[in-house]
Amino acid sequence: MADPSELQRAVRDGHALGVERWPGVVIDYERFAEFVGARCEVSASVRFDQLYLTCACAAGDPAALAAFERVYGPTINAALGKMANAVSDADEVKQQVRERLFVGNAETPPRIAEYTGRGELGGWVRAVAVRTALNYRRVHARESPREDADELAALLPAAGSDPELAALLDRYRIEVGASLAEAIDSLPDNHRAVLRYHYAERLNIDQIGAIFSVHKTTAFRRLEQARAALIEAARGALKRRLRIDDDGLLSIVRVVSSHLDLTLSGLFRDRA
């Protein structure tokens, strides 16, 4: 979408969508347009309604903060609840999550301003909560040898509306996390590098191509190859760990694969 008039129309429609989605949360169009333009390339996949809320939260709007807490507060609590054994003071961590999201300083804006509208805000918030909890654990010298596996397990998504798959994923969540950690460690350096550039440093395909001195098509192919290698390695590790039938294994792999962007973003950003 290169036509400036089309871009402007998309942002205006996005602003209207945000006004409708969050009644009582008021951000003028100019401020919203500037916020969107600084964070993402406008496309049909951008979550304008959620960008509208994060724009207002970053500005400290009380109605926006209240709406965020109402809708996404349970997401934070659920993410930290899965890490109850790893975090000794859940209330303190919950407070730190909110401070990290909404309190900036003269040099650094609130973390909520980093949401780009790519993917669901709820998943992004869950990743922030998990990373905050892990940082808390490290500061308080309670590291676990299974740290990477625990982190990945906490970042894994729910299985949606399929109760049998949800039960399967919950039962083997730690094993799935451990398998992903093993798979990442098994990747060759070139695969790990391209994944880190994309997920930790948030570089786009053009930027990754420039680093490797290749065309963006080649850079995209390398990223997809690295993702495919990771999924295959994780599948092999899962098969060694779990005694379940092929259908169950395939179902778990599909859930992990469909949410791989969010899971890897959480892991690689925390390691960066």
Foldseek 3Di string as FASTA:
>chain_A
DPDPVVVLVLLVVLLVLLCVVQPPQDDDSVQLVVLLVVFDDDDPQFNSNLSSLLSSLLVVPPSSVVVCCVPQVVLLVVLVVLCPVQAPDSVVLSVVLVCQQRPDDPVGGRPSSNDNRHDDPNLVSSLSSLLSRLVNSVVVPNDDPLNQLSSLLSSQDALPPDVVLRVLCVVCSSQLSSLLVVLLVPDDPLLNVLLLCCQQVVDDLCVQCVVVVHDSVVSVVSPVVSLVSSLVSSLVSSVVVDDDDPVSSVSVSVSCSVCVSSSSNSNSNSVD
